[in-house]
N, C-alpha and C. Protein backbone atom coordinates (compact mmCIF):
# COMPACT_ATOMS: atom_id res chain seq x y z
N MET A 1 119.93 144.28 100.39
CA MET A 1 120.36 143.68 99.16
C MET A 1 121.22 142.43 99.42
N LYS A 2 122.05 142.51 100.46
CA LYS A 2 122.93 141.41 100.80
C LYS A 2 122.10 140.19 101.22
N LYS A 3 121.03 140.42 101.98
CA LYS A 3 120.17 139.32 102.42
C LYS A 3 119.46 138.67 101.23
N LEU A 4 119.03 139.46 100.28
CA LEU A 4 118.37 138.94 99.09
C LEU A 4 119.35 138.09 98.27
N LEU A 5 120.58 138.55 98.15
CA LEU A 5 121.59 137.79 97.42
C LEU A 5 121.87 136.45 98.11
N LEU A 6 121.97 136.46 99.45
CA LEU A 6 122.19 135.21 100.18
C LEU A 6 120.99 134.27 100.01
N LEU A 7 119.78 134.80 100.00
CA LEU A 7 118.59 134.00 99.80
C LEU A 7 118.61 133.34 98.42
N LEU A 8 118.95 134.10 97.40
CA LEU A 8 119.02 133.56 96.04
C LEU A 8 120.09 132.48 95.92
N VAL A 9 121.25 132.72 96.52
CA VAL A 9 122.32 131.72 96.51
C VAL A 9 121.85 130.44 97.21
N GLY A 10 121.15 130.60 98.33
CA GLY A 10 120.62 129.44 99.05
C GLY A 10 119.62 128.66 98.22
N VAL A 11 118.74 129.36 97.52
CA VAL A 11 117.75 128.70 96.66
C VAL A 11 118.45 127.95 95.53
N VAL A 12 119.44 128.57 94.90
CA VAL A 12 120.16 127.92 93.81
C VAL A 12 120.88 126.67 94.32
N ILE A 13 121.53 126.78 95.46
CA ILE A 13 122.23 125.62 96.03
C ILE A 13 121.21 124.52 96.38
N GLY A 14 120.06 124.89 96.92
CA GLY A 14 119.02 123.92 97.24
C GLY A 14 118.49 123.21 96.01
N ILE A 15 118.26 123.96 94.96
CA ILE A 15 117.77 123.37 93.71
C ILE A 15 118.83 122.44 93.12
N ALA A 16 120.08 122.88 93.11
CA ALA A 16 121.16 122.06 92.56
C ALA A 16 121.32 120.78 93.37
N GLY A 17 121.28 120.89 94.69
CA GLY A 17 121.41 119.69 95.53
C GLY A 17 120.25 118.73 95.33
N THR A 18 119.05 119.25 95.24
CA THR A 18 117.88 118.40 95.00
C THR A 18 117.98 117.72 93.65
N TYR A 19 118.37 118.47 92.62
CA TYR A 19 118.53 117.91 91.29
C TYR A 19 119.56 116.78 91.30
N TYR A 20 120.69 117.01 91.95
CA TYR A 20 121.74 116.00 92.02
C TYR A 20 121.23 114.76 92.73
N TYR A 21 120.56 114.96 93.86
CA TYR A 21 120.04 113.83 94.64
C TYR A 21 119.03 113.02 93.83
N LEU A 22 118.12 113.68 93.17
CA LEU A 22 117.07 112.99 92.43
C LEU A 22 117.56 112.42 91.11
N SER A 23 118.66 112.94 90.59
CA SER A 23 119.11 112.49 89.28
C SER A 23 120.02 111.27 89.34
N THR A 24 120.49 110.90 90.50
CA THR A 24 121.34 109.71 90.57
C THR A 24 120.49 108.49 90.26
N ASN A 25 121.03 107.56 89.49
CA ASN A 25 120.28 106.37 89.07
C ASN A 25 119.73 105.58 90.23
N GLN A 26 120.50 105.43 91.28
CA GLN A 26 120.05 104.65 92.42
C GLN A 26 118.82 105.28 93.05
N ASN A 27 118.82 106.58 93.24
CA ASN A 27 117.67 107.24 93.86
C ASN A 27 116.46 107.18 92.95
N LEU A 28 116.65 107.38 91.65
CA LEU A 28 115.52 107.29 90.72
C LEU A 28 114.95 105.88 90.72
N GLU A 29 115.83 104.89 90.73
CA GLU A 29 115.38 103.50 90.74
C GLU A 29 114.59 103.20 92.01
N GLU A 30 115.08 103.65 93.16
CA GLU A 30 114.39 103.42 94.42
C GLU A 30 113.03 104.11 94.45
N MET A 31 112.94 105.30 93.84
CA MET A 31 111.69 106.05 93.85
C MET A 31 110.65 105.41 92.93
N THR A 32 111.08 104.69 91.90
CA THR A 32 110.13 104.14 90.94
C THR A 32 109.83 102.66 91.17
N LYS A 33 110.50 102.01 92.09
CA LYS A 33 110.23 100.60 92.37
C LYS A 33 108.87 100.46 93.04
N PRO A 34 108.04 99.55 92.53
CA PRO A 34 106.76 99.33 93.20
C PRO A 34 106.95 98.62 94.54
N LYS A 35 106.02 98.85 95.44
CA LYS A 35 106.05 98.14 96.73
C LYS A 35 105.69 96.69 96.47
N GLY A 36 106.23 95.81 97.25
CA GLY A 36 105.87 94.40 97.14
C GLY A 36 106.69 93.60 96.15
N LEU A 37 107.78 94.17 95.62
CA LEU A 37 108.62 93.40 94.71
C LEU A 37 109.21 92.20 95.46
N ILE A 38 109.29 91.07 94.77
CA ILE A 38 109.92 89.90 95.35
C ILE A 38 111.00 89.41 94.40
N THR A 39 111.95 88.71 94.95
CA THR A 39 113.09 88.22 94.17
C THR A 39 112.71 86.94 93.42
N PRO A 40 113.49 86.56 92.41
CA PRO A 40 113.23 85.29 91.74
C PRO A 40 113.24 84.10 92.71
N ALA A 41 114.09 84.13 93.71
CA ALA A 41 114.11 83.04 94.70
C ALA A 41 112.80 82.99 95.48
N GLU A 42 112.26 84.15 95.83
CA GLU A 42 110.97 84.18 96.54
C GLU A 42 109.84 83.70 95.63
N ILE A 43 109.91 84.04 94.34
CA ILE A 43 108.91 83.56 93.38
C ILE A 43 108.92 82.04 93.34
N LYS A 44 110.12 81.46 93.25
CA LYS A 44 110.24 80.00 93.19
C LYS A 44 109.71 79.36 94.47
N ALA A 45 109.99 79.96 95.63
CA ALA A 45 109.51 79.42 96.91
C ALA A 45 107.98 79.45 96.97
N LEU A 46 107.38 80.54 96.54
CA LEU A 46 105.91 80.62 96.53
C LEU A 46 105.32 79.59 95.57
N ASP A 47 105.93 79.45 94.40
CA ASP A 47 105.44 78.49 93.41
C ASP A 47 105.53 77.07 93.96
N GLN A 48 106.66 76.74 94.57
CA GLN A 48 106.84 75.39 95.13
C GLN A 48 105.89 75.12 96.29
N ALA A 49 105.64 76.12 97.11
CA ALA A 49 104.73 75.96 98.25
C ALA A 49 103.30 75.70 97.78
N TYR A 50 102.96 76.12 96.58
CA TYR A 50 101.62 75.91 96.04
C TYR A 50 101.45 74.50 95.46
N ASN A 51 102.54 73.79 95.21
CA ASN A 51 102.48 72.48 94.56
C ASN A 51 101.51 71.52 95.23
N SER A 52 101.55 71.38 96.54
CA SER A 52 100.68 70.40 97.21
C SER A 52 99.20 70.76 97.03
N ARG A 53 98.88 72.04 97.08
CA ARG A 53 97.49 72.45 96.86
C ARG A 53 97.06 72.17 95.43
N HIS A 54 97.95 72.47 94.50
CA HIS A 54 97.64 72.24 93.09
C HIS A 54 97.42 70.75 92.84
N THR A 55 98.22 69.90 93.45
CA THR A 55 98.08 68.46 93.28
C THR A 55 96.74 67.99 93.83
N ILE A 56 96.35 68.48 94.99
CA ILE A 56 95.05 68.10 95.58
C ILE A 56 93.91 68.49 94.65
N ILE A 57 93.97 69.71 94.13
CA ILE A 57 92.91 70.18 93.23
C ILE A 57 92.89 69.34 91.95
N SER A 58 94.04 69.16 91.34
CA SER A 58 94.11 68.44 90.06
C SER A 58 93.75 66.97 90.21
N ASP A 59 94.30 66.31 91.24
CA ASP A 59 94.11 64.86 91.38
C ASP A 59 92.75 64.48 91.95
N SER A 60 92.29 65.20 92.95
CA SER A 60 91.06 64.77 93.61
C SER A 60 89.80 65.45 93.09
N LEU A 61 89.91 66.67 92.61
CA LEU A 61 88.70 67.38 92.21
C LEU A 61 88.40 67.29 90.73
N ILE A 62 89.40 67.53 89.88
CA ILE A 62 89.10 67.59 88.45
C ILE A 62 89.77 66.47 87.65
N LYS A 63 90.63 65.71 88.28
CA LYS A 63 91.25 64.54 87.67
C LYS A 63 92.01 64.84 86.37
N THR A 64 92.52 66.05 86.24
CA THR A 64 93.31 66.44 85.08
C THR A 64 94.24 67.56 85.50
N PRO A 65 95.39 67.72 84.85
CA PRO A 65 96.26 68.84 85.22
C PRO A 65 95.56 70.18 85.01
N ASP A 66 95.52 70.99 86.04
CA ASP A 66 94.83 72.28 86.00
C ASP A 66 95.82 73.40 85.68
N ASN A 67 95.28 74.54 85.29
CA ASN A 67 96.12 75.71 85.02
C ASN A 67 96.87 76.14 86.28
N ARG A 68 98.10 76.60 86.08
CA ARG A 68 98.90 77.15 87.17
C ARG A 68 99.09 78.65 87.01
N SER A 69 98.81 79.18 85.81
CA SER A 69 99.09 80.59 85.58
C SER A 69 98.19 81.12 84.47
N SER A 70 98.13 82.42 84.37
CA SER A 70 97.47 83.10 83.26
C SER A 70 98.45 84.16 82.75
N TRP A 71 98.47 84.33 81.44
CA TRP A 71 99.36 85.31 80.83
C TRP A 71 98.52 86.37 80.13
N TYR A 72 98.88 87.63 80.36
CA TYR A 72 98.20 88.76 79.72
C TYR A 72 99.24 89.62 79.02
N ALA A 73 98.96 90.02 77.78
CA ALA A 73 99.85 90.92 77.06
C ALA A 73 99.85 92.27 77.76
N LEU A 74 100.99 92.92 77.80
CA LEU A 74 101.12 94.22 78.43
C LEU A 74 100.11 95.20 77.84
N GLU A 75 99.95 95.17 76.53
CA GLU A 75 99.00 96.06 75.85
C GLU A 75 97.57 95.82 76.35
N GLU A 76 97.22 94.54 76.60
CA GLU A 76 95.89 94.20 77.11
C GLU A 76 95.68 94.81 78.50
N ILE A 77 96.69 94.68 79.34
CA ILE A 77 96.57 95.20 80.71
C ILE A 77 96.48 96.72 80.69
N GLU A 78 97.31 97.37 79.89
CA GLU A 78 97.26 98.83 79.80
C GLU A 78 95.91 99.30 79.28
N SER A 79 95.38 98.61 78.28
CA SER A 79 94.07 98.95 77.73
C SER A 79 92.98 98.74 78.77
N TYR A 80 93.09 97.65 79.53
CA TYR A 80 92.11 97.37 80.58
C TYR A 80 92.15 98.44 81.67
N ILE A 81 93.35 98.86 82.06
CA ILE A 81 93.46 99.90 83.09
C ILE A 81 92.80 101.19 82.62
N ALA A 82 93.02 101.57 81.37
CA ALA A 82 92.38 102.77 80.83
C ALA A 82 90.86 102.61 80.84
N HIS A 83 90.37 101.45 80.44
CA HIS A 83 88.93 101.17 80.45
C HIS A 83 88.39 101.21 81.88
N ALA A 84 89.10 100.59 82.81
CA ALA A 84 88.65 100.55 84.21
C ALA A 84 88.60 101.95 84.81
N LYS A 85 89.57 102.80 84.49
CA LYS A 85 89.56 104.18 84.99
C LYS A 85 88.33 104.92 84.49
N GLN A 86 88.07 104.79 83.20
CA GLN A 86 86.92 105.47 82.59
C GLN A 86 85.62 104.94 83.18
N GLN A 87 85.51 103.62 83.31
CA GLN A 87 84.28 103.03 83.82
C GLN A 87 84.08 103.37 85.29
N ALA A 88 85.13 103.33 86.08
CA ALA A 88 85.02 103.69 87.49
C ALA A 88 84.53 105.13 87.63
N ASP A 89 85.09 106.01 86.84
CA ASP A 89 84.68 107.42 86.87
C ASP A 89 83.20 107.55 86.52
N SER A 90 82.75 106.85 85.48
CA SER A 90 81.35 106.95 85.07
C SER A 90 80.41 106.33 86.11
N LEU A 91 80.92 105.41 86.93
CA LEU A 91 80.11 104.81 88.00
C LEU A 91 80.21 105.58 89.31
N GLY A 92 80.99 106.67 89.32
CA GLY A 92 81.12 107.49 90.52
C GLY A 92 82.17 107.01 91.50
N TYR A 93 83.19 106.33 90.99
CA TYR A 93 84.28 105.82 91.84
C TYR A 93 85.61 106.42 91.40
N THR A 94 86.57 106.36 92.30
CA THR A 94 87.95 106.68 91.97
C THR A 94 88.72 105.36 91.98
N LEU A 95 89.23 104.98 90.81
CA LEU A 95 89.98 103.72 90.70
C LEU A 95 91.26 103.84 91.50
N ASP A 96 91.53 102.85 92.36
CA ASP A 96 92.78 102.90 93.13
C ASP A 96 93.60 101.63 93.00
N GLY A 97 93.10 100.65 92.26
CA GLY A 97 93.89 99.43 92.10
C GLY A 97 93.13 98.37 91.35
N LEU A 98 93.74 97.20 91.28
CA LEU A 98 93.14 96.02 90.68
C LEU A 98 93.33 94.87 91.65
N ARG A 99 92.31 94.04 91.77
CA ARG A 99 92.42 92.84 92.59
C ARG A 99 92.47 91.65 91.64
N LEU A 100 93.33 90.69 91.91
CA LEU A 100 93.48 89.49 91.11
C LEU A 100 92.80 88.34 91.86
N TYR A 101 91.82 87.72 91.20
CA TYR A 101 91.09 86.60 91.79
C TYR A 101 91.45 85.31 91.07
N ALA A 102 91.42 84.21 91.81
CA ALA A 102 91.50 82.89 91.22
C ALA A 102 90.06 82.42 91.02
N GLY A 103 89.76 81.84 89.88
CA GLY A 103 88.43 81.34 89.59
C GLY A 103 88.53 80.06 88.79
N ALA A 104 87.39 79.51 88.42
CA ALA A 104 87.36 78.32 87.59
C ALA A 104 86.16 78.40 86.67
N TYR A 105 86.35 77.91 85.46
CA TYR A 105 85.25 77.84 84.51
C TYR A 105 84.31 76.71 84.93
N PRO A 106 83.04 76.82 84.63
CA PRO A 106 82.11 75.73 84.96
C PRO A 106 82.46 74.45 84.19
N ASP A 107 82.16 73.31 84.78
CA ASP A 107 82.35 72.03 84.10
C ASP A 107 81.40 71.97 82.91
N THR A 108 81.85 71.30 81.85
CA THR A 108 81.02 71.12 80.66
C THR A 108 81.02 69.63 80.30
N LYS A 109 80.28 69.28 79.27
CA LYS A 109 80.26 67.89 78.80
C LYS A 109 81.63 67.47 78.29
N GLU A 110 82.43 68.46 77.80
CA GLU A 110 83.76 68.16 77.27
C GLU A 110 84.78 67.89 78.37
N GLY A 111 84.50 68.35 79.58
CA GLY A 111 85.45 68.11 80.66
C GLY A 111 85.30 69.12 81.79
N PRO A 112 86.18 69.00 82.76
CA PRO A 112 86.09 69.89 83.91
C PRO A 112 86.52 71.32 83.56
N GLY A 113 85.94 72.27 84.25
CA GLY A 113 86.35 73.66 84.07
C GLY A 113 87.69 73.90 84.75
N LEU A 114 88.61 74.47 84.01
CA LEU A 114 89.95 74.70 84.55
C LEU A 114 90.03 76.06 85.25
N MET A 115 91.06 76.21 86.04
CA MET A 115 91.31 77.44 86.79
C MET A 115 91.61 78.59 85.84
N THR A 116 91.26 79.79 86.27
CA THR A 116 91.61 81.01 85.56
C THR A 116 91.94 82.08 86.60
N MET A 117 92.57 83.13 86.17
CA MET A 117 92.84 84.28 87.03
C MET A 117 92.20 85.48 86.35
N PHE A 118 91.53 86.34 87.12
CA PHE A 118 90.90 87.50 86.52
C PHE A 118 91.07 88.73 87.41
N PHE A 119 91.10 89.88 86.76
CA PHE A 119 91.26 91.16 87.44
C PHE A 119 89.90 91.81 87.66
N VAL A 120 89.75 92.48 88.78
CA VAL A 120 88.57 93.27 89.10
C VAL A 120 89.06 94.64 89.57
N PRO A 121 88.46 95.72 89.08
CA PRO A 121 88.90 97.05 89.53
C PRO A 121 88.44 97.33 90.96
N THR A 122 89.26 98.07 91.68
CA THR A 122 88.90 98.47 93.04
C THR A 122 88.96 99.99 93.14
N GLY A 123 88.24 100.51 94.10
CA GLY A 123 88.26 101.96 94.28
C GLY A 123 87.35 102.37 95.42
N SER A 124 87.19 103.66 95.53
CA SER A 124 86.31 104.21 96.56
C SER A 124 85.29 105.12 95.90
N LYS A 125 84.10 105.15 96.47
CA LYS A 125 83.01 105.96 95.96
C LYS A 125 83.38 107.42 96.11
N ASN A 126 83.16 108.19 95.05
CA ASN A 126 83.41 109.62 95.10
C ASN A 126 82.37 110.26 96.01
N VAL A 127 82.83 111.22 96.81
CA VAL A 127 81.92 111.98 97.66
C VAL A 127 81.95 113.43 97.22
N SER A 128 80.91 114.13 97.54
CA SER A 128 80.83 115.54 97.18
C SER A 128 82.00 116.30 97.78
N GLU A 129 82.57 117.22 96.99
CA GLU A 129 83.71 118.00 97.48
C GLU A 129 83.31 118.89 98.64
N GLY A 130 82.03 119.22 98.74
CA GLY A 130 81.56 120.10 99.80
C GLY A 130 81.24 119.37 101.09
N SER A 131 81.39 118.08 101.11
CA SER A 131 81.04 117.29 102.28
C SER A 131 82.00 117.57 103.43
N VAL A 132 81.45 117.71 104.63
CA VAL A 132 82.29 117.91 105.81
C VAL A 132 82.47 116.59 106.56
N LEU A 133 81.73 115.57 106.14
CA LEU A 133 81.84 114.27 106.79
C LEU A 133 82.97 113.47 106.15
N PRO A 134 83.83 112.85 106.94
CA PRO A 134 84.89 112.04 106.35
C PRO A 134 84.30 110.79 105.72
N THR A 135 84.95 110.32 104.66
CA THR A 135 84.49 109.08 104.04
C THR A 135 84.90 107.90 104.91
N LEU A 136 83.96 107.01 105.18
CA LEU A 136 84.25 105.85 106.02
C LEU A 136 84.75 104.68 105.20
N GLN A 137 84.52 104.73 103.89
CA GLN A 137 84.93 103.66 103.01
C GLN A 137 86.36 103.90 102.54
N GLY A 138 87.24 102.97 102.84
CA GLY A 138 88.61 103.10 102.40
C GLY A 138 88.76 102.62 100.97
N GLY A 139 89.94 102.78 100.40
CA GLY A 139 90.19 102.31 99.05
C GLY A 139 90.34 100.81 99.02
N GLY A 140 90.40 100.29 97.82
CA GLY A 140 90.65 98.87 97.66
C GLY A 140 89.42 98.00 97.67
N ASN A 141 88.21 98.57 97.67
CA ASN A 141 86.99 97.76 97.61
C ASN A 141 86.65 97.49 96.16
N ASP A 142 86.18 96.27 95.88
CA ASP A 142 85.79 95.93 94.52
C ASP A 142 84.70 96.87 94.04
N ILE A 143 84.78 97.26 92.78
CA ILE A 143 83.72 98.06 92.15
C ILE A 143 82.80 97.04 91.49
N GLY A 144 81.73 96.71 92.16
CA GLY A 144 80.87 95.59 91.78
C GLY A 144 80.22 95.71 90.41
N ASP A 145 79.96 96.90 89.93
CA ASP A 145 79.29 97.07 88.64
C ASP A 145 80.27 97.25 87.49
N ALA A 146 81.56 97.12 87.74
CA ALA A 146 82.56 97.35 86.70
C ALA A 146 82.97 96.03 86.04
N ASP A 147 83.48 96.13 84.82
CA ASP A 147 83.95 94.96 84.08
C ASP A 147 85.26 94.44 84.66
N GLY A 148 85.44 93.12 84.61
CA GLY A 148 86.70 92.50 84.98
C GLY A 148 87.48 92.14 83.73
N LEU A 149 88.71 91.68 83.90
CA LEU A 149 89.54 91.23 82.79
C LEU A 149 89.89 89.77 83.00
N ASN A 150 89.54 88.91 82.02
CA ASN A 150 89.79 87.48 82.08
C ASN A 150 90.33 87.04 80.72
N LYS A 151 90.41 85.77 80.55
CA LYS A 151 90.82 85.16 79.29
C LYS A 151 92.29 85.42 78.95
N GLY A 152 93.13 85.38 79.98
CA GLY A 152 94.57 85.42 79.72
C GLY A 152 94.99 84.09 79.13
N GLY A 153 96.18 84.02 78.58
CA GLY A 153 96.69 82.78 78.02
C GLY A 153 97.08 81.81 79.13
N ASP A 154 96.91 80.52 78.86
CA ASP A 154 97.32 79.49 79.82
C ASP A 154 98.83 79.33 79.79
N GLY A 155 99.33 78.64 80.79
CA GLY A 155 100.75 78.28 80.78
C GLY A 155 101.01 77.26 79.68
N SER A 156 102.25 76.96 79.44
CA SER A 156 102.58 76.01 78.39
C SER A 156 103.50 74.93 78.96
N PRO A 157 103.01 73.76 79.31
CA PRO A 157 101.61 73.33 79.35
C PRO A 157 100.89 74.04 80.49
N PRO A 158 99.53 73.93 80.53
CA PRO A 158 98.78 74.67 81.54
C PRO A 158 99.26 74.42 82.97
N SER A 159 99.71 73.21 83.27
CA SER A 159 100.11 72.90 84.64
C SER A 159 101.57 73.19 84.93
N ALA A 160 102.27 73.87 84.03
CA ALA A 160 103.70 74.12 84.20
C ALA A 160 103.97 75.04 85.39
N ASN A 161 105.04 74.73 86.10
CA ASN A 161 105.49 75.56 87.23
C ASN A 161 106.30 76.73 86.72
N TYR A 162 106.65 77.63 87.66
CA TYR A 162 107.55 78.75 87.39
C TYR A 162 108.97 78.21 87.32
N PRO A 163 109.81 78.68 86.45
CA PRO A 163 109.57 79.58 85.32
C PRO A 163 109.16 78.79 84.09
N GLN A 164 108.45 79.45 83.19
CA GLN A 164 108.02 78.80 81.94
C GLN A 164 108.87 79.29 80.80
């Protein structure tokens, strides 16, 4: 009986300690932070480093200020993620992420096609649960038959740097 009581006390202390550790704001914040976060200073450095490339594209290729960014409403992105999950599942994939591509619209009689950014779902092909062979395909491959997300809003003006 004494050993059982000590075991129960140990479990209660373990649960209480775990709860305390996980409930502190700092630990919760660290656990929920996405990988790859960058600071505003790093954002500005990346934006400034792109300036020379943007100038070459705008001045020599299309002769007009090109887009520097695309804006998507949070609701649009959440809706797209739900759609991509459903579509990946119906195509026999497990959605594991989104890839962001830089693209450009085709030139028209009205003028040159400007840059755009679009999302493509990524994932891995589902394999039979009974399979004894390991899957050789890792995650993060584009799901070629799935819909992408485009038509985000341009910057204001389109060629504006960070921050807008």
